[in-house]
Amino acid sequence: MADSTINNLGGTQQRLKYMQLVDYIMAQIEQNELAINDRLPSLNQLTAELRISKETALKGLQYLSEKGIIESEYRKGYYVKRLKLHQPHRVCLILDKMNILRDRVYQAFLETIHDQAEVDVFFHHHNFKVFEKLVEENLNSYTHFVIVTFFRENPAHILNKIPPHKRIVIDRNELGLDGTYSCIYQDHQSDIVDSLTTLLPQLEKYKRLILVAPLEAFHAKDLIDGFEAFAKAHKKNHIIFHSVDKSSFKKGDAYITFSRYDQDDVDIIKLCREKNWKLGKDIGLISYNDTAVKEVLEEGITVISTDFRKMGEEAANAILNEKPVMLRDPAKVIIRKSL
């Protein structure tokens, strides 16, 4: 019999041979011969008992680890940690931080995956060492990894430790990754070009375009490149600041802001009020990422916004459909009174 398959007890359906070990361990648990915290037989005992290779046995043990049934302890062996396979999948969701936008991703992911997966959430807060440790310590404990990156360092060598079929990268399209994997991403450079092109009629009344690009923003370079490409193509007077500059605040300017927890939007609104200028007439404002506050603030702020719920939904669908996807999640423009 080939090592890749084995007939199940009914003798009609073929199963991967490592599932023989899975069935054996699960039967031991169901018959109360193994309980929580009990140690499994050694690798040598399992291979001899089931007449399978060590490689096949390790695949079976990895499968049980991914499902959360067993857990390995260094130099001690494998121990029972759960008695039932509750869901088909176990997902390690690694986010950079939690804010209203990430919450949209998270909630949409949970709603779509529903009861088909157990989901554990971790945060790296842009700390590369924390991210590296999260991945390396959990490689054999989950069926899938859904990851938001955004680091100064190149994370490719860490992401490549995750088998491609388990790897789902969201929000940022990282380069240098191996294999066929899933990615649902923003293209910040194309998004700003497309969005400002859509807004050309509204921008005609403004003399100068100003991009406020905080240096600490991870996607600042992509936005700057796209902004400059748009301005050059349409012969627009433009300038780039890293924060709102009061001394350069002039009538006829249209600002594009992002990041910095909306502080730049607040600064622009305060300056308008101070000078008794009207937003949408004397000063234009386009802000990245829509929120409920931006919908009502100053009669509405024009936004360029990605559908973060779609990111979560598509990541979950990639798992449920067992089909890798490479999908750009394009931004859309919502025009309001601020322009």
C-alpha atoms as a PDB file:
ATOM      1  CA  MET A   1       0.000   0.000   0.000  1.00  0.00           C
ATOM      2  CA  ALA A   2       1.361   3.448  -0.884  1.00  0.00           C
ATOM      3  CA  ASP A   3       2.410   5.623   2.036  1.00  0.00           C
ATOM      4  CA  SER A   4       0.173   8.504   0.893  1.00  0.00           C
ATOM      5  CA  THR A   5      -3.211   6.806   1.440  1.00  0.00           C
ATOM      6  CA  ILE A   6      -4.905   4.123   3.510  1.00  0.00           C
ATOM      7  CA  ASN A   7      -8.388   2.628   3.439  1.00  0.00           C
ATOM      8  CA  ASN A   8     -10.574   3.631   6.353  1.00  0.00           C
ATOM      9  CA  LEU A   9     -12.579   1.152   8.427  1.00  0.00           C
ATOM     10  CA  GLY A  10     -15.330   0.994   5.801  1.00  0.00           C
ATOM     11  CA  GLY A  11     -12.758   0.036   3.211  1.00  0.00           C
ATOM     12  CA  THR A  12     -14.251   2.237   0.490  1.00  0.00           C
ATOM     13  CA  GLN A  13     -12.957   5.752   1.158  1.00  0.00           C
ATOM     14  CA  GLN A  14      -9.278   6.542   0.933  1.00  0.00           C
ATOM     15  CA  ARG A  15      -7.655   8.758   3.541  1.00  0.00           C
ATOM     16  CA  LEU A  16      -4.227  10.273   3.897  1.00  0.00           C
ATOM     17  CA  LYS A  17      -2.120   7.724   5.717  1.00  0.00           C
ATOM     18  CA  TYR A  18      -1.138  10.075   8.526  1.00  0.00           C
ATOM     19  CA  MET A  19      -4.856  10.185   9.417  1.00  0.00           C
ATOM     20  CA  GLN A  20      -4.434   6.600  10.625  1.00  0.00           C
ATOM     21  CA  LEU A  21      -2.491   8.043  13.553  1.00  0.00           C
ATOM     22  CA  VAL A  22      -5.099  10.783  14.038  1.00  0.00           C
ATOM     23  CA  ASP A  23      -7.902   8.219  14.119  1.00  0.00           C
ATOM     24  CA  TYR A  24      -5.926   6.070  16.525  1.00  0.00           C
ATOM     25  CA  ILE A  25      -5.324   8.916  18.994  1.00  0.00           C
ATOM     26  CA  MET A  26      -8.914  10.172  18.757  1.00  0.00           C
ATOM     27  CA  ALA A  27     -10.198   6.638  19.372  1.00  0.00           C
ATOM     28  CA  GLN A  28      -7.980   6.402  22.473  1.00  0.00           C
ATOM     29  CA  ILE A  29      -9.487   9.652  23.725  1.00  0.00           C
ATOM     30  CA  GLU A  30     -13.083   8.604  22.978  1.00  0.00           C
ATOM     31  CA  GLN A  31     -12.531   5.292  24.816  1.00  0.00           C
ATOM     32  CA  ASN A  32     -11.138   7.215  27.836  1.00  0.00           C
ATOM     33  CA  GLU A  33      -7.745   5.587  27.431  1.00  0.00           C
ATOM     34  CA  LEU A  34      -6.248   9.047  27.042  1.00  0.00           C
ATOM     35  CA  ALA A  35      -7.382  12.063  29.070  1.00  0.00           C
ATOM     36  CA  ILE A  36      -6.385  15.722  29.211  1.00  0.00           C
ATOM     37  CA  ASN A  37      -2.719  16.142  30.227  1.00  0.00           C
ATOM     38  CA  ASP A  38      -1.955  12.481  29.515  1.00  0.00           C
ATOM     39  CA  ARG A  39       1.242  11.874  27.604  1.00  0.00           C
ATOM     40  CA  LEU A  40       0.983  10.178  24.205  1.00  0.00           C
ATOM     41  CA  PRO A  41       3.017   7.081  23.405  1.00  0.00           C
ATOM     42  CA  SER A  42       6.477   7.852  22.069  1.00  0.00           C
ATOM     43  CA  LEU A  43       7.121   8.338  18.376  1.00  0.00           C
ATOM     44  CA  ASN A  44       8.807   4.924  18.199  1.00  0.00           C
ATOM     45  CA  GLN A  45       5.851   3.265  19.901  1.00  0.00           C
ATOM     46  CA  LEU A  46       3.380   4.892  17.530  1.00  0.00           C
ATOM     47  CA  THR A  47       5.305   3.935  14.397  1.00  0.00           C
ATOM     48  CA  ALA A  48       5.650   0.339  15.582  1.00  0.00           C
ATOM     49  CA  GLU A  49       2.014   0.031  16.664  1.00  0.00           C
ATOM     50  CA  LEU A  50       0.586   1.533  13.461  1.00  0.00           C
ATOM     51  CA  ARG A  51       3.298   0.287  11.092  1.00  0.00           C
ATOM     52  CA  ILE A  52       3.854   3.708   9.578  1.00  0.00           C
ATOM     53  CA  SER A  53       6.998   5.724   8.946  1.00  0.00           C
ATOM     54  CA  LYS A  54       8.257   8.378  11.349  1.00  0.00           C
ATOM     55  CA  GLU A  55       7.592  11.017   8.703  1.00  0.00           C
ATOM     56  CA  THR A  56       3.959   9.905   8.438  1.00  0.00           C
ATOM     57  CA  ALA A  57       3.592   9.783  12.216  1.00  0.00           C
ATOM     58  CA  LEU A  58       4.991  13.320  12.555  1.00  0.00           C
ATOM     59  CA  LYS A  59       2.475  14.560   9.993  1.00  0.00           C
ATOM     60  CA  GLY A  60      -0.308  13.063  12.080  1.00  0.00           C
ATOM     61  CA  LEU A  61       1.044  14.623  15.264  1.00  0.00           C
ATOM     62  CA  GLN A  62       1.335  17.985  13.512  1.00  0.00           C
ATOM     63  CA  TYR A  63      -2.274  17.717  12.364  1.00  0.00           C
ATOM     64  CA  LEU A  64      -3.436  17.076  15.929  1.00  0.00           C
ATOM     65  CA  SER A  65      -1.281  19.983  17.150  1.00  0.00           C
ATOM     66  CA  GLU A  66      -2.812  22.327  14.578  1.00  0.00           C
ATOM     67  CA  LYS A  67      -6.286  21.300  15.723  1.00  0.00           C
ATOM     68  CA  GLY A  68      -5.371  21.932  19.350  1.00  0.00           C
ATOM     69  CA  ILE A  69      -5.886  18.320  20.431  1.00  0.00           C
ATOM     70  CA  ILE A  70      -2.287  17.812  21.543  1.00  0.00           C
ATOM     71  CA  GLU A  71       0.617  20.026  22.490  1.00  0.00           C
ATOM     72  CA  SER A  72       4.326  19.289  22.469  1.00  0.00           C
ATOM     73  CA  GLU A  73       6.664  20.000  25.349  1.00  0.00           C
ATOM     74  CA  TYR A  74      10.364  20.291  24.644  1.00  0.00           C
ATOM     75  CA  ARG A  75      12.192  16.995  25.251  1.00  0.00           C
ATOM     76  CA  LYS A  76       9.130  15.521  26.976  1.00  0.00           C
ATOM     77  CA  GLY A  77       6.768  14.522  24.191  1.00  0.00           C
ATOM     78  CA  TYR A  78       3.158  15.213  23.285  1.00  0.00           C
ATOM     79  CA  TYR A  79       0.305  15.699  25.740  1.00  0.00           C
ATOM     80  CA  VAL A  80      -3.478  15.722  25.316  1.00  0.00           C
ATOM     81  CA  LYS A  81      -4.878  19.257  25.607  1.00  0.00           C
ATOM     82  CA  ARG A  82      -8.397  18.855  24.190  1.00  0.00           C
ATOM     83  CA  LEU A  83     -10.819  15.987  23.843  1.00  0.00           C
ATOM     84  CA  LYS A  84     -12.738  16.906  20.683  1.00  0.00           C
ATOM     85  CA  LEU A  85     -12.217  18.441  17.270  1.00  0.00           C
ATOM     86  CA  HIS A  86     -14.630  21.347  17.723  1.00  0.00           C
ATOM     87  CA  GLN A  87     -13.976  23.169  14.431  1.00  0.00           C
ATOM     88  CA  PRO A  88     -12.326  22.220  11.137  1.00  0.00           C
ATOM     89  CA  HIS A  89      -9.783  25.062  11.395  1.00  0.00           C
ATOM     90  CA  ARG A  90      -7.647  26.838  13.980  1.00  0.00           C
ATOM     91  CA  VAL A  91      -6.598  30.331  12.960  1.00  0.00           C
ATOM     92  CA  CYS A  92      -3.780  32.448  14.331  1.00  0.00           C
ATOM     93  CA  LEU A  93      -4.836  36.036  13.582  1.00  0.00           C
ATOM     94  CA  ILE A  94      -1.877  38.389  14.037  1.00  0.00           C
ATOM     95  CA  LEU A  95      -2.753  42.094  13.852  1.00  0.00           C
ATOM     96  CA  ASP A  96      -0.512  45.113  14.175  1.00  0.00           C
ATOM     97  CA  LYS A  97      -2.853  46.909  16.604  1.00  0.00           C
ATOM     98  CA  MET A  98      -6.527  47.271  17.442  1.00  0.00           C
ATOM     99  CA  ASN A  99      -8.398  50.353  16.288  1.00  0.00           C
ATOM    100  CA  ILE A 100     -11.727  50.957  14.571  1.00  0.00           C
ATOM    101  CA  LEU A 101     -10.337  49.850  11.179  1.00  0.00           C
ATOM    102  CA  ARG A 102      -8.763  46.647  12.487  1.00  0.00           C
ATOM    103  CA  ASP A 103     -11.951  45.943  14.419  1.00  0.00           C
ATOM    104  CA  ARG A 104     -13.827  45.990  11.092  1.00  0.00           C
ATOM    105  CA  VAL A 105     -11.421  43.374   9.722  1.00  0.00           C
ATOM    106  CA  TYR A 106     -11.712  41.275  12.870  1.00  0.00           C
ATOM    107  CA  GLN A 107     -15.507  41.372  13.139  1.00  0.00           C
ATOM    108  CA  ALA A 108     -16.025  40.609   9.437  1.00  0.00           C
ATOM    109  CA  PHE A 109     -13.566  37.713   9.657  1.00  0.00           C
ATOM    110  CA  LEU A 110     -15.374  36.205  12.662  1.00  0.00           C
ATOM    111  CA  GLU A 111     -18.812  36.663  11.090  1.00  0.00           C
ATOM    112  CA  THR A 112     -17.703  34.981   7.852  1.00  0.00           C
ATOM    113  CA  ILE A 113     -15.710  32.114   9.362  1.00  0.00           C
ATOM    114  CA  HIS A 114     -18.592  31.625  11.838  1.00  0.00           C
ATOM    115  CA  ASP A 115     -18.368  28.264  13.617  1.00  0.00           C
ATOM    116  CA  GLN A 116     -15.896  26.746  11.169  1.00  0.00           C
ATOM    117  CA  ALA A 117     -12.781  27.860  13.036  1.00  0.00           C
ATOM    118  CA  GLU A 118     -11.344  28.609  16.419  1.00  0.00           C
ATOM    119  CA  VAL A 119      -9.624  31.992  16.212  1.00  0.00           C
ATOM    120  CA  ASP A 120      -6.863  33.283  18.493  1.00  0.00           C
ATOM    121  CA  VAL A 121      -5.868  36.953  18.154  1.00  0.00           C
ATOM    122  CA  PHE A 122      -2.420  38.381  18.812  1.00  0.00           C
ATOM    123  CA  PHE A 123      -0.882  41.864  18.376  1.00  0.00           C
ATOM    124  CA  HIS A 124       2.700  42.742  17.459  1.00  0.00           C
ATOM    125  CA  HIS A 125       2.394  46.569  17.692  1.00  0.00           C
ATOM    126  CA  HIS A 126       5.002  46.897  14.894  1.00  0.00           C
ATOM    127  CA  ASN A 127       7.616  45.232  17.095  1.00  0.00           C
ATOM    128  CA  PHE A 128       9.484  42.888  14.766  1.00  0.00           C
ATOM    129  CA  LYS A 129      10.882  40.669  17.540  1.00  0.00           C
ATOM    130  CA  VAL A 130       7.410  40.179  18.983  1.00  0.00           C
ATOM    131  CA  PHE A 131       6.106  39.268  15.519  1.00  0.00           C
ATOM    132  CA  GLU A 132       8.947  36.821  14.906  1.00  0.00           C
ATOM    133  CA  LYS A 133       8.333  35.107  18.244  1.00  0.00           C
ATOM    134  CA  LEU A 134       4.575  34.867  17.627  1.00  0.00           C
ATOM    135  CA  VAL A 135       5.125  33.112  14.309  1.00  0.00           C
ATOM    136  CA  GLU A 136       7.919  30.779  15.378  1.00  0.00           C
ATOM    137  CA  GLU A 137       6.245  29.665  18.607  1.00  0.00           C
ATOM    138  CA  ASN A 138       2.953  28.875  16.890  1.00  0.00           C
ATOM    139  CA  LEU A 139       4.038  27.302  13.602  1.00  0.00           C
ATOM    140  CA  ASN A 140       2.708  23.852  14.482  1.00  0.00           C
ATOM    141  CA  SER A 141      -0.326  24.968  16.467  1.00  0.00           C
ATOM    142  CA  TYR A 142      -2.650  26.355  13.777  1.00  0.00           C
ATOM    143  CA  THR A 143      -4.124  25.368  10.438  1.00  0.00           C
ATOM    144  CA  HIS A 144      -3.889  28.959   9.124  1.00  0.00           C
ATOM    145  CA  PHE A 145      -2.171  32.260   9.841  1.00  0.00           C
ATOM    146  CA  VAL A 146      -3.882  35.540   8.929  1.00  0.00           C
ATOM    147  CA  ILE A 147      -1.350  38.346   9.287  1.00  0.00           C
ATOM    148  CA  VAL A 148      -1.117  42.122   9.079  1.00  0.00           C
ATOM    149  CA  THR A 149       2.520  43.221   8.807  1.00  0.00           C
ATOM    150  CA  PHE A 150       3.765  46.857   8.467  1.00  0.00           C
ATOM    151  CA  PHE A 151       7.364  46.813   9.734  1.00  0.00           C
ATOM    152  CA  ARG A 152      10.514  48.800   9.075  1.00  0.00           C
ATOM    153  CA  GLU A 153      12.218  45.430   8.683  1.00  0.00           C
ATOM    154  CA  ASN A 154      11.545  43.053   5.795  1.00  0.00           C
ATOM    155  CA  PRO A 155       9.295  40.268   7.185  1.00  0.00           C
ATOM    156  CA  ALA A 156       9.610  37.937   4.171  1.00  0.00           C
ATOM    157  CA  HIS A 157      11.955  35.412   5.818  1.00  0.00           C
ATOM    158  CA  ILE A 158       9.595  35.070   8.786  1.00  0.00           C
ATOM    159  CA  LEU A 159       6.469  34.810   6.635  1.00  0.00           C
ATOM    160  CA  ASN A 160       8.194  32.163   4.503  1.00  0.00           C
ATOM    161  CA  LYS A 161       8.463  29.918   7.569  1.00  0.00           C
ATOM    162  CA  ILE A 162       4.691  29.532   7.343  1.00  0.00           C
ATOM    163  CA  PRO A 163       3.728  26.984   4.640  1.00  0.00           C
ATOM    164  CA  PRO A 164       2.125  28.886   1.735  1.00  0.00           C
ATOM    165  CA  HIS A 165      -1.233  27.079   2.022  1.00  0.00           C
ATOM    166  CA  LYS A 166      -1.490  28.271   5.633  1.00  0.00           C
ATOM    167  CA  ARG A 167      -0.407  31.867   4.927  1.00  0.00           C
ATOM    168  CA  ILE A 168      -2.879  34.725   4.408  1.00  0.00           C
ATOM    169  CA  VAL A 169      -1.388  38.224   4.362  1.00  0.00           C
ATOM    170  CA  ILE A 170      -3.811  41.127   4.560  1.00  0.00           C
ATOM    171  CA  ASP A 171      -3.625  44.903   4.007  1.00  0.00           C
ATOM    172  CA  ARG A 172      -0.053  44.965   2.658  1.00  0.00           C
ATOM    173  CA  ASN A 173       1.326  43.044  -0.317  1.00  0.00           C
ATOM    174  CA  GLU A 174       4.716  41.886   0.956  1.00  0.00           C
ATOM    175  CA  LEU A 175       7.353  41.012  -1.632  1.00  0.00           C
ATOM    176  CA  GLY A 176       9.671  38.006  -1.694  1.00  0.00           C
ATOM    177  CA  LEU A 177       7.224  35.395  -0.420  1.00  0.00           C
ATOM    178  CA  ASP A 178       7.441  31.775  -1.573  1.00  0.00           C
ATOM    179  CA  GLY A 179       4.720  29.550  -2.932  1.00  0.00           C
ATOM    180  CA  THR A 180       1.048  30.051  -3.713  1.00  0.00           C
ATOM    181  CA  TYR A 181      -0.559  31.862  -0.788  1.00  0.00           C
ATOM    182  CA  SER A 182      -3.429  34.286  -0.171  1.00  0.00           C
ATOM    183  CA  CYS A 183      -3.100  38.053  -0.003  1.00  0.00           C
ATOM    184  CA  ILE A 184      -5.833  40.708   0.264  1.00  0.00           C
ATOM    185  CA  TYR A 185      -4.116  44.059   0.066  1.00  0.00           C
ATOM    186  CA  GLN A 186      -4.283  47.796  -0.489  1.00  0.00           C
ATOM    187  CA  ASP A 187      -2.283  49.368  -3.302  1.00  0.00           C
ATOM    188  CA  HIS A 188      -1.725  52.787  -1.713  1.00  0.00           C
ATOM    189  CA  GLN A 189       0.118  54.255  -4.694  1.00  0.00           C
ATOM    190  CA  SER A 190      -2.565  53.313  -7.220  1.00  0.00           C
ATOM    191  CA  ASP A 191      -5.366  54.175  -4.799  1.00  0.00           C
ATOM    192  CA  ILE A 192      -4.328  57.806  -4.367  1.00  0.00           C
ATOM    193  CA  VAL A 193      -3.854  58.278  -8.127  1.00  0.00           C
ATOM    194  CA  ASP A 194      -7.246  56.749  -8.903  1.00  0.00           C
ATOM    195  CA  SER A 195      -9.009  58.619  -6.101  1.00  0.00           C
ATOM    196  CA  LEU A 196      -7.589  62.054  -6.926  1.00  0.00           C
ATOM    197  CA  THR A 197      -8.407  61.458 -10.592  1.00  0.00           C
ATOM    198  CA  THR A 198     -12.009  60.789  -9.571  1.00  0.00           C
ATOM    199  CA  LEU A 199     -11.960  64.069  -7.593  1.00  0.00           C
ATOM    200  CA  LEU A 200     -10.537  66.223 -10.422  1.00  0.00           C
ATOM    201  CA  PRO A 201     -13.778  68.223 -10.873  1.00  0.00           C
ATOM    202  CA  GLN A 202     -13.881  69.079  -7.154  1.00  0.00           C
ATOM    203  CA  LEU A 203     -10.175  69.948  -7.103  1.00  0.00           C
ATOM    204  CA  GLU A 204     -10.402  72.496  -9.923  1.00  0.00           C
ATOM    205  CA  LYS A 205     -11.281  75.374  -7.582  1.00  0.00           C
ATOM    206  CA  TYR A 206      -8.167  74.851  -5.439  1.00  0.00           C
ATOM    207  CA  LYS A 207      -4.814  76.468  -6.261  1.00  0.00           C
ATOM    208  CA  ARG A 208      -2.554  74.001  -4.508  1.00  0.00           C
ATOM    209  CA  LEU A 209      -2.663  70.385  -3.312  1.00  0.00           C
ATOM    210  CA  ILE A 210      -0.947  69.541  -0.034  1.00  0.00           C
ATOM    211  CA  LEU A 211      -0.230  65.988   1.097  1.00  0.00           C
ATOM    212  CA  VAL A 212       0.393  65.711   4.837  1.00  0.00           C
ATOM    213  CA  ALA A 213       2.593  62.621   5.069  1.00  0.00           C
ATOM    214  CA  PRO A 214       3.785  61.758   8.606  1.00  0.00           C
ATOM    215  CA  LEU A 215       7.287  60.289   8.497  1.00  0.00           C
ATOM    216  CA  GLU A 216       6.307  57.481  10.876  1.00  0.00           C
ATOM    217  CA  ALA A 217       3.558  56.167   8.587  1.00  0.00           C
ATOM    218  CA  PHE A 218       4.570  52.803   7.094  1.00  0.00           C
ATOM    219  CA  HIS A 219       2.898  53.487   3.752  1.00  0.00           C
ATOM    220  CA  ALA A 220       4.019  57.130   3.433  1.00  0.00           C
ATOM    221  CA  LYS A 221       6.406  56.438   0.526  1.00  0.00           C
ATOM    222  CA  ASP A 222       3.714  54.737  -1.570  1.00  0.00           C
ATOM    223  CA  LEU A 223       1.312  57.628  -1.027  1.00  0.00           C
ATOM    224  CA  ILE A 224       3.981  60.231  -1.781  1.00  0.00           C
ATOM    225  CA  ASP A 225       4.940  58.457  -5.016  1.00  0.00           C
ATOM    226  CA  GLY A 226       1.313  58.234  -6.107  1.00  0.00           C
ATOM    227  CA  PHE A 227       0.592  61.848  -5.122  1.00  0.00           C
ATOM    228  CA  GLU A 228       3.556  63.154  -7.093  1.00  0.00           C
ATOM    229  CA  ALA A 229       2.654  61.028 -10.121  1.00  0.00           C
ATOM    230  CA  PHE A 230      -0.887  62.431 -10.090  1.00  0.00           C
ATOM    231  CA  ALA A 231       0.271  66.036  -9.658  1.00  0.00           C
ATOM    232  CA  LYS A 232       2.764  65.698 -12.499  1.00  0.00           C
ATOM    233  CA  ALA A 233       0.254  64.062 -14.856  1.00  0.00           C
ATOM    234  CA  HIS A 234      -2.326  66.775 -14.253  1.00  0.00           C
ATOM    235  CA  LYS A 235       0.104  69.701 -13.831  1.00  0.00           C
ATOM    236  CA  LYS A 236      -1.089  70.479 -10.310  1.00  0.00           C
ATOM    237  CA  ASN A 237       0.773  72.861  -8.004  1.00  0.00           C
ATOM    238  CA  HIS A 238       1.586  70.678  -5.021  1.00  0.00           C
ATOM    239  CA  ILE A 239       3.692  70.324  -1.904  1.00  0.00           C
ATOM    240  CA  ILE A 240       4.343  67.662   0.740  1.00  0.00           C
ATOM    241  CA  PHE A 241       4.401  68.417   4.479  1.00  0.00           C
ATOM    242  CA  HIS A 242       5.009  65.989   7.324  1.00  0.00           C
ATOM    243  CA  SER A 243       2.568  67.829   9.589  1.00  0.00           C
ATOM    244  CA  VAL A 244       0.114  70.709   9.238  1.00  0.00           C
ATOM    245  CA  ASP A 245       2.172  73.900   8.922  1.00  0.00           C
ATOM    246  CA  LYS A 246       0.317  76.932  10.279  1.00  0.00           C
ATOM    247  CA  SER A 247       2.665  79.378   8.548  1.00  0.00           C
ATOM    248  CA  SER A 248       1.847  77.865   5.144  1.00  0.00           C
ATOM    249  CA  PHE A 249      -1.913  77.655   5.687  1.00  0.00           C
ATOM    250  CA  LYS A 250      -3.441  79.595   2.778  1.00  0.00           C
ATOM    251  CA  LYS A 251      -6.805  80.050   1.142  1.00  0.00           C
ATOM    252  CA  GLY A 252      -7.156  77.896  -1.941  1.00  0.00           C
ATOM    253  CA  ASP A 253      -5.267  74.908  -0.547  1.00  0.00           C
ATOM    254  CA  ALA A 254      -6.689  71.382  -0.599  1.00  0.00           C
ATOM    255  CA  TYR A 255      -5.213  68.970   1.957  1.00  0.00           C
ATOM    256  CA  ILE A 256      -4.910  65.189   1.790  1.00  0.00           C
ATOM    257  CA  THR A 257      -4.287  63.664   5.222  1.00  0.00           C
ATOM    258  CA  PHE A 258      -3.743  60.156   6.609  1.00  0.00           C
ATOM    259  CA  SER A 259      -2.618  58.388   9.761  1.00  0.00           C
ATOM    260  CA  ARG A 260      -1.690  60.266  12.966  1.00  0.00           C
ATOM    261  CA  TYR A 261      -5.045  59.303  14.558  1.00  0.00           C
ATOM    262  CA  ASP A 262      -6.796  62.130  12.616  1.00  0.00           C
ATOM    263  CA  GLN A 263      -4.781  64.819  14.413  1.00  0.00           C
ATOM    264  CA  ASP A 264      -4.022  66.540  11.105  1.00  0.00           C
ATOM    265  CA  ASP A 265      -7.746  66.787  10.327  1.00  0.00           C
ATOM    266  CA  VAL A 266      -8.335  68.388  13.727  1.00  0.00           C
ATOM    267  CA  ASP A 267      -5.486  70.881  13.184  1.00  0.00           C
ATOM    268  CA  ILE A 268      -6.898  71.916   9.792  1.00  0.00           C
ATOM    269  CA  ILE A 269     -10.410  72.381  11.192  1.00  0.00           C
ATOM    270  CA  LYS A 270      -9.047  74.477  14.090  1.00  0.00           C
ATOM    271  CA  LEU A 271      -7.089  76.713  11.713  1.00  0.00           C
ATOM    272  CA  CYS A 272     -10.191  77.220   9.553  1.00  0.00           C
ATOM    273  CA  ARG A 273     -12.181  78.258  12.590  1.00  0.00           C
ATOM    274  CA  GLU A 274      -9.391  80.530  13.797  1.00  0.00           C
ATOM    275  CA  LYS A 275      -9.290  82.347  10.455  1.00  0.00           C
ATOM    276  CA  ASN A 276     -13.070  82.181   9.971  1.00  0.00           C
ATOM    277  CA  TRP A 277     -12.585  80.241   6.730  1.00  0.00           C
ATOM    278  CA  LYS A 278     -15.056  77.671   5.501  1.00  0.00           C
ATOM    279  CA  LEU A 279     -14.025  74.076   4.906  1.00  0.00           C
ATOM    280  CA  GLY A 280     -15.046  73.059   1.413  1.00  0.00           C
ATOM    281  CA  LYS A 281     -14.848  76.627   0.103  1.00  0.00           C
ATOM    282  CA  ASP A 282     -11.667  78.321   1.315  1.00  0.00           C
ATOM    283  CA  ILE A 283      -9.834  75.112   2.272  1.00  0.00           C
ATOM    284  CA  GLY A 284     -10.369  71.616   0.915  1.00  0.00           C
ATOM    285  CA  LEU A 285      -9.877  68.466   2.988  1.00  0.00           C
ATOM    286  CA  ILE A 286      -9.611  64.825   1.884  1.00  0.00           C
ATOM    287  CA  SER A 287      -8.960  62.346   4.680  1.00  0.00           C
ATOM    288  CA  TYR A 288      -7.968  58.685   4.536  1.00  0.00           C
ATOM    289  CA  ASN A 289     -10.196  55.992   6.066  1.00  0.00           C
ATOM    290  CA  ASP A 290     -13.842  56.637   6.778  1.00  0.00           C
ATOM    291  CA  THR A 291     -15.293  56.664  10.298  1.00  0.00           C
ATOM    292  CA  ALA A 292     -18.681  57.597  11.744  1.00  0.00           C
ATOM    293  CA  VAL A 293     -17.153  60.833  13.078  1.00  0.00           C
ATOM    294  CA  LYS A 294     -15.935  61.902   9.633  1.00  0.00           C
ATOM    295  CA  GLU A 295     -19.420  61.415   8.258  1.00  0.00           C
ATOM    296  CA  VAL A 296     -20.805  64.163  10.529  1.00  0.00           C
ATOM    297  CA  LEU A 297     -17.791  66.354  11.430  1.00  0.00           C
ATOM    298  CA  GLU A 298     -18.002  69.824   9.808  1.00  0.00           C
ATOM    299  CA  GLU A 299     -21.003  68.627   7.791  1.00  0.00           C
ATOM    300  CA  GLY A 300     -18.951  65.707   6.446  1.00  0.00           C
ATOM    301  CA  ILE A 301     -15.312  65.037   5.549  1.00  0.00           C
ATOM    302  CA  THR A 302     -14.485  63.715   2.065  1.00  0.00           C
ATOM    303  CA  VAL A 303     -12.648  60.416   2.416  1.00  0.00           C
ATOM    304  CA  ILE A 304     -10.577  57.884   0.511  1.00  0.00           C
ATOM    305  CA  SER A 305     -11.346  54.610   2.208  1.00  0.00           C
ATOM    306  CA  THR A 306     -10.672  50.914   1.728  1.00  0.00           C
ATOM    307  CA  ASP A 307     -13.348  48.366   2.590  1.00  0.00           C
ATOM    308  CA  PHE A 308     -11.725  46.785   5.629  1.00  0.00           C
ATOM    309  CA  ARG A 309     -14.707  44.507   6.202  1.00  0.00           C
ATOM    310  CA  LYS A 310     -14.091  43.029   2.769  1.00  0.00           C
ATOM    311  CA  MET A 311     -10.517  42.226   3.828  1.00  0.00           C
ATOM    312  CA  GLY A 312     -11.792  40.182   6.747  1.00  0.00           C
ATOM    313  CA  GLU A 313     -14.470  38.479   4.669  1.00  0.00           C
ATOM    314  CA  GLU A 314     -12.100  37.509   1.853  1.00  0.00           C
ATOM    315  CA  ALA A 315      -9.484  36.193   4.296  1.00  0.00           C
ATOM    316  CA  ALA A 316     -12.129  33.957   5.877  1.00  0.00           C
ATOM    317  CA  ASN A 317     -13.392  32.829   2.465  1.00  0.00           C
ATOM    318  CA  ALA A 318      -9.865  31.833   1.420  1.00  0.00           C
ATOM    319  CA  ILE A 319      -9.838  29.441   4.381  1.00  0.00           C
ATOM    320  CA  LEU A 320     -13.384  28.148   3.938  1.00  0.00           C
ATOM    321  CA  ASN A 321     -13.005  27.616   0.187  1.00  0.00           C
ATOM    322  CA  GLU A 322      -9.489  26.176   0.560  1.00  0.00           C
ATOM    323  CA  LYS A 323      -8.500  28.273  -2.430  1.00  0.00           C
ATOM    324  CA  PRO A 324      -5.679  30.846  -2.431  1.00  0.00           C
ATOM    325  CA  VAL A 325      -6.584  34.361  -3.597  1.00  0.00           C
ATOM    326  CA  MET A 326      -4.471  37.338  -4.646  1.00  0.00           C
ATOM    327  CA  LEU A 327      -6.873  40.251  -4.381  1.00  0.00           C
ATOM    328  CA  ARG A 328      -6.465  44.014  -4.388  1.00  0.00           C
ATOM    329  CA  ASP A 329      -8.997  45.737  -2.140  1.00  0.00           C
ATOM    330  CA  PRO A 330      -9.322  49.105  -3.933  1.00  0.00           C
ATOM    331  CA  ALA A 331     -10.159  52.325  -2.129  1.00  0.00           C
ATOM    332  CA  LYS A 332     -13.336  54.222  -2.872  1.00  0.00           C
ATOM    333  CA  VAL A 333     -14.061  57.943  -2.659  1.00  0.00           C
ATOM    334  CA  ILE A 334     -16.925  59.369  -0.606  1.00  0.00           C
ATOM    335  CA  ILE A 335     -17.486  63.028  -1.480  1.00  0.00           C
ATOM    336  CA  ARG A 336     -18.745  65.275   1.327  1.00  0.00           C
ATOM    337  CA  LYS A 337     -18.881  69.001   2.162  1.00  0.00           C
ATOM    338  CA  SER A 338     -15.161  69.335   3.043  1.00  0.00           C
ATOM    339  CA  LEU A 339     -14.248  69.471  -0.662  1.00  0.00           C
END
